[in-house]
C-alpha atoms as a PDB file:
ATOM      1  CA  MET A   1      -6.556   1.619   1.110  1.00  0.00           C
ATOM      2  CA  ALA A   2     -10.204   2.499   0.561  1.00  0.00           C
ATOM      3  CA  LYS A   3     -11.425   6.060   0.712  1.00  0.00           C
ATOM      4  CA  ALA A   4     -14.688   7.952   0.869  1.00  0.00           C
ATOM      5  CA  GLU A   5     -16.886   7.616  -2.194  1.00  0.00           C
ATOM      6  CA  THR A   6     -19.805   9.679  -3.437  1.00  0.00           C
ATOM      7  CA  THR A   7     -23.176   8.298  -4.398  1.00  0.00           C
ATOM      8  CA  GLY A   8     -25.345   9.410  -7.291  1.00  0.00           C
ATOM      9  CA  GLU A   9     -27.056  12.124  -5.227  1.00  0.00           C
ATOM     10  CA  GLY A  10     -23.714  13.739  -4.388  1.00  0.00           C
ATOM     11  CA  VAL A  11     -23.858  12.605  -0.760  1.00  0.00           C
ATOM     12  CA  ALA A  12     -20.517  11.409   0.557  1.00  0.00           C
ATOM     13  CA  ARG A  13     -20.649   7.808   1.664  1.00  0.00           C
ATOM     14  CA  GLY A  14     -17.786   6.481   3.718  1.00  0.00           C
ATOM     15  CA  SER A  15     -16.267   3.268   2.564  1.00  0.00           C
ATOM     16  CA  ALA A  16     -14.731   0.638   4.729  1.00  0.00           C
ATOM     17  CA  GLU A  17     -11.094  -0.113   5.372  1.00  0.00           C
ATOM     18  CA  PRO A  18     -10.125  -3.708   4.540  1.00  0.00           C
ATOM     19  CA  SER A  19      -9.343  -4.568   8.147  1.00  0.00           C
ATOM     20  CA  ALA A  20     -12.719  -3.192   9.257  1.00  0.00           C
ATOM     21  CA  VAL A  21     -14.515  -5.268   6.622  1.00  0.00           C
ATOM     22  CA  SER A  22     -12.644  -8.364   7.785  1.00  0.00           C
ATOM     23  CA  MET A  23     -13.519  -7.671  11.420  1.00  0.00           C
ATOM     24  CA  ALA A  24     -17.180  -7.117  10.496  1.00  0.00           C
ATOM     25  CA  VAL A  25     -17.388 -10.441   8.650  1.00  0.00           C
ATOM     26  CA  LEU A  26     -15.528 -12.273  11.434  1.00  0.00           C
ATOM     27  CA  GLY A  27     -17.795 -10.593  14.008  1.00  0.00           C
ATOM     28  CA  VAL A  28     -20.866 -11.840  12.160  1.00  0.00           C
ATOM     29  CA  GLU A  29     -19.360 -15.325  11.937  1.00  0.00           C
ATOM     30  CA  GLY A  30     -18.622 -15.233  15.678  1.00  0.00           C
ATOM     31  CA  ALA A  31     -22.102 -14.018  16.505  1.00  0.00           C
ATOM     32  CA  LEU A  32     -23.575 -16.832  14.416  1.00  0.00           C
ATOM     33  CA  VAL A  33     -21.435 -19.348  16.316  1.00  0.00           C
ATOM     34  CA  CYS A  34     -22.594 -17.854  19.628  1.00  0.00           C
ATOM     35  CA  ALA A  35     -26.233 -17.983  18.486  1.00  0.00           C
ATOM     36  CA  ALA A  36     -25.923 -21.596  17.385  1.00  0.00           C
ATOM     37  CA  LEU A  37     -24.225 -22.578  20.654  1.00  0.00           C
ATOM     38  CA  PHE A  38     -26.897 -20.735  22.632  1.00  0.00           C
ATOM     39  CA  VAL A  39     -29.641 -22.643  20.818  1.00  0.00           C
ATOM     40  CA  ALA A  40     -27.750 -25.914  21.374  1.00  0.00           C
ATOM     41  CA  VAL A  41     -27.369 -25.221  25.104  1.00  0.00           C
ATOM     42  CA  LEU A  42     -30.992 -24.145  25.270  1.00  0.00           C
ATOM     43  CA  GLY A  43     -32.007 -27.463  23.721  1.00  0.00           C
ATOM     44  CA  ALA A  44     -29.761 -29.451  26.061  1.00  0.00           C
ATOM     45  CA  GLN A  45     -31.130 -27.701  29.147  1.00  0.00           C
ATOM     46  CA  ALA A  46     -34.770 -27.868  28.089  1.00  0.00           C
ATOM     47  CA  GLY A  47     -36.236 -29.913  30.870  1.00  0.00           C
ATOM     48  CA  PRO A  48     -38.577 -29.448  33.789  1.00  0.00           C
ATOM     49  CA  GLY A  49     -37.158 -27.144  36.440  1.00  0.00           C
ATOM     50  CA  ASP A  50     -34.097 -26.090  34.395  1.00  0.00           C
ATOM     51  CA  GLU A  51     -33.227 -22.440  33.911  1.00  0.00           C
ATOM     52  CA  PRO A  52     -32.836 -22.248  30.102  1.00  0.00           C
ATOM     53  CA  PHE A  53     -31.453 -18.729  29.991  1.00  0.00           C
ATOM     54  CA  ALA A  54     -28.396 -19.420  32.150  1.00  0.00           C
ATOM     55  CA  ALA A  55     -26.515 -19.840  28.874  1.00  0.00           C
ATOM     56  CA  LEU A  56     -27.014 -16.126  28.194  1.00  0.00           C
ATOM     57  CA  ALA A  57     -24.362 -15.305  30.804  1.00  0.00           C
ATOM     58  CA  VAL A  58     -21.657 -17.080  28.822  1.00  0.00           C
ATOM     59  CA  VAL A  59     -22.512 -15.669  25.375  1.00  0.00           C
ATOM     60  CA  PRO A  60     -21.152 -12.089  25.895  1.00  0.00           C
ATOM     61  CA  LEU A  61     -17.816 -13.367  27.214  1.00  0.00           C
ATOM     62  CA  MET A  62     -17.586 -15.822  24.356  1.00  0.00           C
ATOM     63  CA  LEU A  63     -18.371 -13.086  21.828  1.00  0.00           C
ATOM     64  CA  VAL A  64     -15.599 -10.873  23.267  1.00  0.00           C
ATOM     65  CA  LEU A  65     -13.141 -13.761  22.967  1.00  0.00           C
ATOM     66  CA  ILE A  66     -14.266 -14.446  19.404  1.00  0.00           C
ATOM     67  CA  LEU A  67     -13.841 -10.764  18.467  1.00  0.00           C
ATOM     68  CA  PHE A  68     -10.332 -10.760  19.957  1.00  0.00           C
ATOM     69  CA  ALA A  69      -9.503 -13.876  17.948  1.00  0.00           C
ATOM     70  CA  GLY A  70     -11.011 -12.140  14.903  1.00  0.00           C
ATOM     71  CA  GLY A  71      -8.659  -9.189  15.354  1.00  0.00           C
ATOM     72  CA  VAL A  72      -5.661 -11.475  15.563  1.00  0.00           C
ATOM     73  CA  LEU A  73      -6.887 -13.474  12.566  1.00  0.00           C
ATOM     74  CA  THR A  74      -7.391 -10.269  10.557  1.00  0.00           C
ATOM     75  CA  ALA A  75      -3.919  -8.939  11.304  1.00  0.00           C
ATOM     76  CA  ALA A  76      -2.030 -12.209  10.984  1.00  0.00           C
ATOM     77  CA  TYR A  77      -3.964 -14.083   8.304  1.00  0.00           C
ATOM     78  CA  VAL A  78      -6.626 -12.271   6.281  1.00  0.00           C
ATOM     79  CA  VAL A  79      -4.974  -8.982   5.295  1.00  0.00           C
ATOM     80  CA  PRO A  80      -1.549 -10.564   4.538  1.00  0.00           C
ATOM     81  CA  ALA A  81      -3.223 -13.291   2.456  1.00  0.00           C
ATOM     82  CA  VAL A  82      -5.142 -10.712   0.417  1.00  0.00           C
ATOM     83  CA  ARG A  83      -1.990  -8.641  -0.111  1.00  0.00           C
ATOM     84  CA  LEU A  84      -0.082 -11.749  -1.201  1.00  0.00           C
ATOM     85  CA  ALA A  85      -2.876 -12.760  -3.578  1.00  0.00           C
ATOM     86  CA  HIS A  86      -3.034  -9.286  -5.111  1.00  0.00           C
ATOM     87  CA  TRP A  87       0.746  -9.053  -5.460  1.00  0.00           C
ATOM     88  CA  THR A  88       0.974 -12.512  -7.043  1.00  0.00           C
ATOM     89  CA  ALA A  89      -1.893 -11.796  -9.410  1.00  0.00           C
ATOM     90  CA  ARG A  90      -0.363  -8.491 -10.539  1.00  0.00           C
ATOM     91  CA  GLN A  91       3.014 -10.172 -11.124  1.00  0.00           C
ATOM     92  CA  LEU A  92       1.585 -13.075 -13.130  1.00  0.00           C
ATOM     93  CA  THR A  93      -1.434 -11.621 -14.934  1.00  0.00           C
ATOM     94  CA  GLY A  94      -1.308  -7.864 -14.473  1.00  0.00           C
ATOM     95  CA  ARG A  95      -4.672  -7.679 -12.677  1.00  0.00           C
ATOM     96  CA  THR A  96      -6.305  -8.996  -9.527  1.00  0.00           C
ATOM     97  CA  ALA A  97      -9.105 -11.533  -9.475  1.00  0.00           C
ATOM     98  CA  TRP A  98     -10.982 -13.327  -6.699  1.00  0.00           C
ATOM     99  CA  TRP A  99      -9.643 -16.788  -7.582  1.00  0.00           C
ATOM    100  CA  TRP A 100      -6.200 -15.823  -6.276  1.00  0.00           C
ATOM    101  CA  ILE A 101      -7.558 -15.505  -2.713  1.00  0.00           C
ATOM    102  CA  PRO A 102      -8.153 -19.230  -1.877  1.00  0.00           C
ATOM    103  CA  PRO A 103      -4.625 -20.351  -2.853  1.00  0.00           C
ATOM    104  CA  ALA A 104      -3.069 -17.459  -0.922  1.00  0.00           C
ATOM    105  CA  CYS A 105      -5.142 -18.349   2.144  1.00  0.00           C
ATOM    106  CA  THR A 106      -3.978 -21.949   1.818  1.00  0.00           C
ATOM    107  CA  LEU A 107      -0.348 -20.981   2.404  1.00  0.00           C
ATOM    108  CA  TRP A 108      -1.053 -20.086   6.038  1.00  0.00           C
ATOM    109  CA  VAL A 109      -2.514 -23.517   6.822  1.00  0.00           C
ATOM    110  CA  LEU A 110       0.157 -25.584   5.072  1.00  0.00           C
ATOM    111  CA  PRO A 111       2.189 -25.976   8.294  1.00  0.00           C
ATOM    112  CA  ALA A 112      -0.901 -27.498   9.934  1.00  0.00           C
ATOM    113  CA  LEU A 113      -0.985 -30.136   7.211  1.00  0.00           C
ATOM    114  CA  ALA A 114       2.433 -31.406   8.312  1.00  0.00           C
ATOM    115  CA  VAL A 115       0.976 -32.618  11.615  1.00  0.00           C
ATOM    116  CA  PRO A 116      -1.911 -35.085  11.191  1.00  0.00           C
ATOM    117  CA  ALA A 117      -3.550 -34.043  14.470  1.00  0.00           C
ATOM    118  CA  TRP A 118      -3.823 -30.438  13.217  1.00  0.00           C
ATOM    119  CA  HIS A 119      -5.602 -31.155   9.918  1.00  0.00           C
ATOM    120  CA  LEU A 120      -9.061 -30.370  11.287  1.00  0.00           C
ATOM    121  CA  ALA A 121      -7.864 -27.207  13.030  1.00  0.00           C
ATOM    122  CA  GLY A 122      -6.167 -26.014   9.839  1.00  0.00           C
ATOM    123  CA  LEU A 123      -9.304 -26.663   7.821  1.00  0.00           C
ATOM    124  CA  GLY A 124     -11.347 -24.797  10.429  1.00  0.00           C
ATOM    125  CA  VAL A 125      -9.072 -21.755  10.322  1.00  0.00           C
ATOM    126  CA  TYR A 126      -9.154 -21.795   6.525  1.00  0.00           C
ATOM    127  CA  ALA A 127     -12.971 -22.034   6.466  1.00  0.00           C
ATOM    128  CA  VAL A 128     -13.302 -19.168   8.943  1.00  0.00           C
ATOM    129  CA  ALA A 129     -10.762 -16.912   7.208  1.00  0.00           C
ATOM    130  CA  LEU A 130     -11.826 -17.376   3.584  1.00  0.00           C
ATOM    131  CA  PRO A 131     -15.113 -15.364   3.677  1.00  0.00           C
ATOM    132  CA  PRO A 132     -13.476 -12.266   5.242  1.00  0.00           C
ATOM    133  CA  ALA A 133     -10.585 -12.534   2.778  1.00  0.00           C
ATOM    134  CA  LEU A 134     -13.013 -12.567  -0.142  1.00  0.00           C
ATOM    135  CA  ALA A 135     -14.935  -9.610   1.364  1.00  0.00           C
ATOM    136  CA  VAL A 136     -11.684  -7.677   1.781  1.00  0.00           C
ATOM    137  CA  HIS A 137     -10.750  -8.456  -1.820  1.00  0.00           C
ATOM    138  CA  VAL A 138     -14.087  -7.126  -3.090  1.00  0.00           C
ATOM    139  CA  THR A 139     -13.699  -3.997  -0.955  1.00  0.00           C
ATOM    140  CA  VAL A 140     -10.192  -3.261  -2.214  1.00  0.00           C
ATOM    141  CA  VAL A 141     -11.006  -3.951  -5.867  1.00  0.00           C
ATOM    142  CA  ARG A 142     -14.142  -1.783  -5.790  1.00  0.00           C
ATOM    143  CA  ALA A 143     -12.304   1.057  -4.023  1.00  0.00           C
ATOM    144  CA  ARG A 144      -9.475   0.965  -6.576  1.00  0.00           C
ATOM    145  CA  ALA A 145     -12.006   1.071  -9.413  1.00  0.00           C
ATOM    146  CA  GLY A 146     -13.664   4.145  -7.892  1.00  0.00           C
ATOM    147  CA  ARG A 147     -16.923   2.333  -7.200  1.00  0.00           C
ATOM    148  CA  PRO A 148     -18.729   2.591  -3.858  1.00  0.00           C
ATOM    149  CA  VAL A 149     -17.997  -0.220  -1.435  1.00  0.00           C
ATOM    150  CA  GLN A 150     -20.289  -1.814   1.085  1.00  0.00           C
ATOM    151  CA  PRO A 151     -19.792  -0.183   4.475  1.00  0.00           C
ATOM    152  CA  CYS A 152     -19.371  -2.293   7.579  1.00  0.00           C
ATOM    153  CA  ALA A 153     -22.745  -1.134   8.891  1.00  0.00           C
ATOM    154  CA  ALA A 154     -24.493  -3.039   6.090  1.00  0.00           C
ATOM    155  CA  ILE A 155     -22.472  -6.193   6.806  1.00  0.00           C
ATOM    156  CA  LEU A 156     -23.299  -5.963  10.501  1.00  0.00           C
ATOM    157  CA  SER A 157     -26.992  -5.222   9.818  1.00  0.00           C
ATOM    158  CA  TRP A 158     -27.422  -8.269   7.601  1.00  0.00           C
ATOM    159  CA  GLY A 159     -25.402 -10.295  10.085  1.00  0.00           C
ATOM    160  CA  ALA A 160     -27.672  -9.205  12.937  1.00  0.00           C
ATOM    161  CA  LEU A 161     -30.662 -10.306  10.866  1.00  0.00           C
ATOM    162  CA  ALA A 162     -29.014 -13.701  10.300  1.00  0.00           C
ATOM    163  CA  VAL A 163     -28.229 -14.068  14.017  1.00  0.00           C
ATOM    164  CA  GLY A 164     -31.812 -13.182  14.878  1.00  0.00           C
ATOM    165  CA  CYS A 165     -33.091 -15.799  12.432  1.00  0.00           C
ATOM    166  CA  VAL A 166     -30.793 -18.437  13.950  1.00  0.00           C
ATOM    167  CA  VAL A 167     -31.904 -17.635  17.501  1.00  0.00           C
ATOM    168  CA  ILE A 168     -35.630 -17.370  16.704  1.00  0.00           C
ATOM    169  CA  GLY A 169     -35.700 -20.310  14.304  1.00  0.00           C
ATOM    170  CA  GLY A 170     -33.550 -22.479  16.551  1.00  0.00           C
ATOM    171  CA  GLY A 171     -35.553 -21.473  19.611  1.00  0.00           C
ATOM    172  CA  ALA A 172     -38.769 -22.408  17.828  1.00  0.00           C
ATOM    173  CA  VAL A 173     -37.358 -25.803  16.855  1.00  0.00           C
ATOM    174  CA  VAL A 174     -36.145 -26.428  20.429  1.00  0.00           C
ATOM    175  CA  ALA A 175     -39.472 -25.314  21.916  1.00  0.00           C
ATOM    176  CA  ALA A 176     -41.413 -27.531  19.507  1.00  0.00           C
ATOM    177  CA  GLY A 177     -39.213 -30.548  20.187  1.00  0.00           C
END
């Protein structure tokens, strides 16, 4: 969908495919969850004689599982929802806009609303899938307009900074408490 763009200096800058953008955003979300859980476990284990870094052994496995779930979520939820939103918007208004993304994402969680015990899970899936869907929408719209899109490296760099802030800030709060 997206293709290589050129910047003002004439240097080719690769853009990001929509599925790659979705995976980058979901990867950052997963890393933030892992960082928050690590800080929570670190705070729960903070006692005399406890080994606080035993939680580090679980984080890589958890991140791999989250990335696998992110791939499934991208293929089964995010990209189809964005395509549906763009198709619907073109049929009704002739152009695509970001406000078509939330209703299209809602369609995938409607079956969860039929079962009362699944309401929270459906809301969780919706909350996790909406940011990547909006990022994919921005990527596709900018690529179609011929404007440079944000590569996945920038998303992952800012995400790594956010994860570092969560770990350092949370670690400081746990150590102070």
